Amino acid sequence: MSRQKTHHTKQFKLDAINYRKEHPDLTQVECAKNLGIGVSTLARWEAQFRDNDGDIPIIGSGSYASDEAKEIAHLKRELRDAQDSLDVLKKAIGILNEQFNPERPNAVRCTDITDIWTQDGFVYLNCVMDLYARKIIAWTLADTMEVSTVIETINKAKACRNTDLPLIIHSDRGSQYISNAWREATEKMQQSYSHSGYPYDNACIESFHSLIKREWLNRFHIINYKHAYRLVFEYIETFYNTVRIHSHCDYMSPNDFEKLFERVSSLPAA
């Protein structure tokens, strides 16, 4: 099995550079390790940032910004007009059935939204978790719970981990996840929903949201969105995915557990 190349968003690159600036006590090698990237990758991003007046160019981005604005407007109209498709929903309820241990990455993902209190008001964290290693493969922090937020997150997940293999995406039955926009964004995936009043199928992602608050966010008096974003980035991208050990992962980090799978899969058959 060939190793799948990781695609980092422009925002991740800028956040990584900012993380390096805010941790002068760490060497470049230590920062790269915490972020789960190579030191040469971090050095290249920093050079691009310096050479482009505090920005990182995205090759081949075209008119993405205007297209994105157009798509968001379209999704908002979809949300207003969206109706609960009972036929689709009935077929998708309970597909996951608490089967939390897939045999490979990119087989089952789950997603959910949680609120984070700041002195400026609530912000909302939406994450997508790959259940094989319990890795957070995409996340978005927003000041709204509109359907555009979950679409942005699932599009991030598709961009960084595109797969042609069968893939289940599980969520609760919140209005965002039964919208037309969500079904269109996940049309190549097998959609799964929790039973009404029975949230256990989504226990893994809900457990993560409890964990980030208990282990990290609750330590701080969070001022505003910017402060919350920085804290979420540090926890997910420099600790949870790359450093924190999990009993589910045989006491490895999610990154290391997936790398072990890649190494084992690449071995010749006996």
Protein backbone atom coordinates (compact mmCIF):
# COMPACT_ATOMS: atom_id res chain seq x y z
CA MET A 1 0.00 0.00 0.00
CA SER A 2 1.57 3.31 -1.08
CA ARG A 3 1.65 6.06 1.47
CA GLN A 4 -1.06 8.65 0.93
CA LYS A 5 0.26 12.18 0.54
CA THR A 6 -1.09 14.67 3.06
CA HIS A 7 -2.47 17.90 1.62
CA HIS A 8 -2.26 20.85 3.99
CA THR A 9 -4.56 23.82 3.60
CA LYS A 10 -3.24 27.35 3.35
CA GLN A 11 -4.82 28.08 6.74
CA PHE A 12 -2.96 25.17 8.35
CA LYS A 13 0.34 26.45 6.94
CA LEU A 14 -0.30 29.95 8.31
CA ASP A 15 -1.34 28.50 11.68
CA ALA A 16 1.83 26.39 11.78
CA ILE A 17 3.99 29.46 11.14
CA ASN A 18 2.11 31.35 13.85
CA TYR A 19 2.59 28.42 16.25
CA ARG A 20 6.35 28.59 15.62
CA LYS A 21 6.37 32.34 16.33
CA GLU A 22 4.42 31.93 19.56
CA HIS A 23 6.77 29.23 20.89
CA PRO A 24 10.27 30.72 20.77
CA ASP A 25 11.29 28.23 23.45
CA LEU A 26 10.93 25.39 20.91
CA THR A 27 13.38 24.66 18.12
CA GLN A 28 12.19 24.39 14.53
CA VAL A 29 12.63 20.61 14.76
CA GLU A 30 10.50 20.43 17.92
CA CYS A 31 7.75 22.58 16.41
CA ALA A 32 7.67 20.43 13.27
CA LYS A 33 7.46 17.26 15.35
CA ASN A 34 4.56 18.62 17.40
CA LEU A 35 2.76 19.58 14.20
CA GLY A 36 3.34 16.16 12.67
CA ILE A 37 5.23 17.52 9.65
CA GLY A 38 8.82 17.38 8.42
CA VAL A 39 11.21 20.12 9.47
CA SER A 40 12.00 20.83 5.80
CA THR A 41 8.27 21.34 5.17
CA LEU A 42 7.99 23.88 7.98
CA ALA A 43 11.16 25.64 6.79
CA ARG A 44 9.75 25.86 3.25
CA TRP A 45 6.49 27.39 4.49
CA GLU A 46 8.38 29.94 6.58
CA ALA A 47 10.50 30.90 3.58
CA GLN A 48 7.41 31.30 1.40
CA PHE A 49 5.82 33.42 4.14
CA ARG A 50 8.87 35.73 4.27
CA ASP A 51 9.20 35.95 0.49
CA ASN A 52 5.53 36.82 -0.07
CA ASP A 53 5.08 39.63 2.45
CA GLY A 54 3.38 37.54 5.11
CA ASP A 55 1.35 35.29 2.84
CA ILE A 56 1.66 31.82 1.31
CA PRO A 57 0.69 31.57 -2.36
CA ILE A 58 -1.61 28.74 -3.38
CA ILE A 59 -0.65 27.40 -6.80
CA GLY A 60 -3.60 26.76 -9.09
CA SER A 61 -6.16 28.29 -6.75
CA GLY A 62 -7.84 30.22 -9.59
CA SER A 63 -10.91 32.21 -8.53
CA TYR A 64 -11.53 30.08 -5.44
CA ALA A 65 -12.54 32.99 -3.24
CA SER A 66 -15.35 34.13 -5.50
CA ASP A 67 -16.46 30.56 -6.16
CA GLU A 68 -16.51 29.92 -2.42
CA ALA A 69 -18.65 32.99 -1.78
CA LYS A 70 -21.03 31.88 -4.53
CA GLU A 71 -21.20 28.38 -3.06
CA ILE A 72 -21.90 29.65 0.46
CA ALA A 73 -24.76 31.79 -0.84
CA HIS A 74 -26.10 28.74 -2.68
CA LEU A 75 -25.85 26.60 0.47
CA LYS A 76 -27.71 29.19 2.52
CA ARG A 77 -30.57 29.05 0.03
CA GLU A 78 -30.44 25.26 0.22
CA LEU A 79 -30.73 25.45 4.00
CA ARG A 80 -33.84 27.62 3.85
CA ASP A 81 -35.46 25.28 1.35
CA ALA A 82 -34.18 22.03 2.86
CA GLN A 83 -36.73 19.46 3.99
CA ASP A 84 -36.12 16.33 5.96
CA SER A 85 -35.91 13.54 3.42
CA LEU A 86 -37.50 10.75 5.46
CA ASP A 87 -36.85 8.08 2.88
CA VAL A 88 -33.07 8.73 2.85
CA LEU A 89 -32.97 9.14 6.61
CA LYS A 90 -34.76 5.87 7.33
CA LYS A 91 -32.39 3.94 5.11
CA ALA A 92 -29.34 5.51 6.78
CA ILE A 93 -30.32 5.18 10.45
CA GLY A 94 -28.14 2.80 12.44
CA ILE A 95 -25.77 1.73 9.64
CA LEU A 96 -22.75 2.22 11.91
CA ASN A 97 -24.42 0.29 14.74
CA GLU A 98 -21.64 1.09 17.25
CA GLN A 99 -18.98 -0.61 15.11
CA PHE A 100 -16.13 1.64 16.18
CA ASN A 101 -13.11 -0.39 15.06
CA PRO A 102 -12.71 -0.43 11.28
CA GLU A 103 -9.85 -2.47 9.84
CA ARG A 104 -8.27 0.39 7.89
CA PRO A 105 -8.11 4.18 7.75
CA ASN A 106 -10.62 5.95 5.50
CA ALA A 107 -13.35 3.39 6.13
CA VAL A 108 -15.53 5.11 8.75
CA ARG A 109 -15.69 8.74 9.78
CA CYS A 110 -17.92 10.51 12.27
CA THR A 111 -18.69 14.17 12.78
CA ASP A 112 -20.38 16.45 15.27
CA ILE A 113 -20.57 20.05 16.52
CA THR A 114 -19.87 21.33 20.03
CA ASP A 115 -20.10 24.83 21.49
CA ILE A 116 -17.22 26.65 23.20
CA TRP A 117 -17.93 29.58 25.50
CA THR A 118 -15.89 32.77 25.14
CA GLN A 119 -16.25 36.17 26.76
CA ASP A 120 -17.45 37.38 23.35
CA GLY A 121 -20.14 34.70 23.07
CA PHE A 122 -20.27 31.10 21.87
CA VAL A 123 -18.21 29.71 19.00
CA TYR A 124 -18.80 26.29 17.47
CA LEU A 125 -16.26 23.54 16.78
CA ASN A 126 -17.10 21.05 14.04
CA CYS A 127 -14.77 18.05 13.66
CA VAL A 128 -14.48 15.01 11.41
CA MET A 129 -12.81 11.97 13.01
CA ASP A 130 -11.44 8.91 11.21
CA LEU A 131 -12.38 6.05 13.49
CA TYR A 132 -9.43 3.76 12.67
CA ALA A 133 -6.98 5.79 14.77
CA ARG A 134 -9.47 8.27 16.28
CA LYS A 135 -7.64 11.00 14.33
CA ILE A 136 -9.22 14.40 13.74
CA ILE A 137 -8.71 14.80 10.00
CA ALA A 138 -10.62 18.08 9.58
CA TRP A 139 -12.07 20.77 11.82
CA THR A 140 -13.65 24.20 11.56
CA LEU A 141 -14.30 26.82 14.21
CA ALA A 142 -17.12 29.24 13.44
CA ASP A 143 -19.38 31.75 15.13
CA THR A 144 -22.44 30.10 13.60
CA MET A 145 -24.00 26.64 13.40
CA GLU A 146 -25.24 27.16 9.85
CA VAL A 147 -24.98 24.29 7.41
CA SER A 148 -22.15 26.07 5.58
CA THR A 149 -19.90 25.30 8.54
CA VAL A 150 -20.31 21.51 8.30
CA ILE A 151 -19.95 21.70 4.51
CA GLU A 152 -16.65 23.53 4.91
CA THR A 153 -15.40 20.86 7.34
CA ILE A 154 -16.40 17.86 5.23
CA ASN A 155 -14.84 19.52 2.17
CA LYS A 156 -11.60 19.89 4.12
CA ALA A 157 -11.76 16.18 4.97
CA LYS A 158 -12.31 15.27 1.32
CA ALA A 159 -9.46 17.53 0.20
CA CYS A 160 -6.89 16.09 2.59
CA ARG A 161 -8.06 12.47 2.35
CA ASN A 162 -9.73 11.69 -0.92
CA THR A 163 -10.47 7.97 -1.30
CA ASP A 164 -12.22 5.75 -3.82
CA LEU A 165 -12.71 3.02 -1.22
CA PRO A 166 -16.11 2.51 0.47
CA LEU A 167 -16.55 5.12 3.20
CA ILE A 168 -19.21 5.59 5.88
CA ILE A 169 -19.85 9.06 7.30
CA HIS A 170 -21.82 9.03 10.56
CA SER A 171 -23.55 11.92 12.31
CA ASP A 172 -26.48 12.68 14.54
CA ARG A 173 -29.75 13.90 13.06
CA GLY A 174 -29.12 17.62 13.51
CA SER A 175 -30.62 19.90 10.89
CA GLN A 176 -27.21 20.52 9.32
CA TYR A 177 -26.74 16.80 8.63
CA ILE A 178 -30.12 16.13 7.05
CA SER A 179 -29.97 19.14 4.74
CA ASN A 180 -29.82 18.86 0.98
CA ALA A 181 -26.42 20.54 1.02
CA TRP A 182 -24.98 17.88 3.36
CA ARG A 183 -26.37 15.03 1.31
CA GLU A 184 -24.88 16.52 -1.85
CA ALA A 185 -21.48 17.03 -0.19
CA THR A 186 -21.44 13.40 1.00
CA GLU A 187 -23.15 11.77 -1.97
CA LYS A 188 -20.15 9.50 -2.67
CA MET A 189 -20.14 8.30 0.95
CA GLN A 190 -22.54 5.96 2.71
CA GLN A 191 -24.45 8.17 5.11
CA SER A 192 -25.29 6.88 8.58
CA TYR A 193 -27.36 8.51 11.30
CA SER A 194 -27.90 7.87 14.98
CA HIS A 195 -31.27 6.58 16.13
CA SER A 196 -33.50 9.24 17.61
CA GLY A 197 -32.70 9.64 21.30
CA TYR A 198 -29.85 7.12 21.03
CA PRO A 199 -26.55 9.00 20.63
CA TYR A 200 -24.13 6.12 21.30
CA ASP A 201 -23.26 5.61 17.62
CA ASN A 202 -21.58 9.02 17.79
CA ALA A 203 -19.85 8.35 21.11
CA CYS A 204 -16.29 8.61 19.75
CA ILE A 205 -16.53 12.16 18.42
CA GLU A 206 -18.60 13.28 21.41
CA SER A 207 -15.93 11.82 23.69
CA PHE A 208 -13.27 13.83 21.84
CA HIS A 209 -15.23 17.04 22.28
CA SER A 210 -15.48 16.35 26.02
CA LEU A 211 -11.76 15.58 26.08
CA ILE A 212 -10.59 18.80 24.44
CA LYS A 213 -12.62 20.79 26.94
CA ARG A 214 -11.57 18.78 30.00
CA GLU A 215 -7.88 18.52 29.16
CA TRP A 216 -7.31 21.93 27.58
CA LEU A 217 -10.01 24.53 26.96
CA ASN A 218 -11.38 24.59 30.51
CA ARG A 219 -7.99 25.75 31.76
CA PHE A 220 -8.42 29.14 30.08
CA HIS A 221 -10.66 32.18 30.27
CA ILE A 222 -11.24 32.31 26.53
CA ILE A 223 -11.55 35.87 25.32
CA ASN A 224 -12.88 35.63 21.78
CA TYR A 225 -12.93 33.64 18.54
CA LYS A 226 -9.26 34.29 17.78
CA HIS A 227 -8.19 33.05 21.22
CA ALA A 228 -10.40 29.96 20.93
CA TYR A 229 -9.05 29.20 17.44
CA ARG A 230 -5.45 29.31 18.63
CA LEU A 231 -6.23 26.97 21.55
CA VAL A 232 -8.09 24.47 19.35
CA PHE A 233 -5.29 24.48 16.79
CA GLU A 234 -2.64 23.81 19.43
CA TYR A 235 -4.57 20.95 21.01
CA ILE A 236 -5.52 19.12 17.82
CA GLU A 237 -2.57 19.79 15.53
CA THR A 238 0.33 19.82 18.01
CA PHE A 239 -0.87 17.42 20.70
CA TYR A 240 -3.92 15.22 20.16
CA ASN A 241 -3.08 13.91 16.67
CA THR A 242 0.69 13.92 16.99
CA VAL A 243 1.69 13.39 20.64
CA ARG A 244 -1.15 12.20 22.89
CA ILE A 245 -1.22 8.43 23.32
CA HIS A 246 -4.48 6.49 23.13
CA SER A 247 -5.28 3.08 24.57
CA HIS A 248 -7.26 2.39 21.38
CA CYS A 249 -4.05 2.96 19.39
CA ASP A 250 -1.98 0.56 21.51
CA TYR A 251 -0.67 3.57 23.40
CA MET A 252 0.53 5.39 20.31
CA SER A 253 -0.63 8.72 18.92
CA PRO A 254 -3.17 8.62 16.07
CA ASN A 255 -0.46 9.70 13.62
CA ASP A 256 1.91 6.93 14.72
CA PHE A 257 -0.87 4.33 14.68
CA GLU A 258 -1.74 5.19 11.07
CA LYS A 259 1.95 5.14 10.08
CA LEU A 260 2.22 1.65 11.58
CA PHE A 261 -0.73 0.55 9.44
CA GLU A 262 1.00 1.95 6.34
CA ARG A 263 4.23 0.09 7.14
CA VAL A 264 2.47 -3.20 7.80
CA SER A 265 0.33 -2.84 4.66
CA SER A 266 3.41 -2.26 2.52
CA LEU A 267 5.04 -5.53 3.61
CA PRO A 268 5.02 -8.31 1.01
CA ALA A 269 2.43 -11.02 1.56
CA ALA A 270 3.73 -14.08 3.39
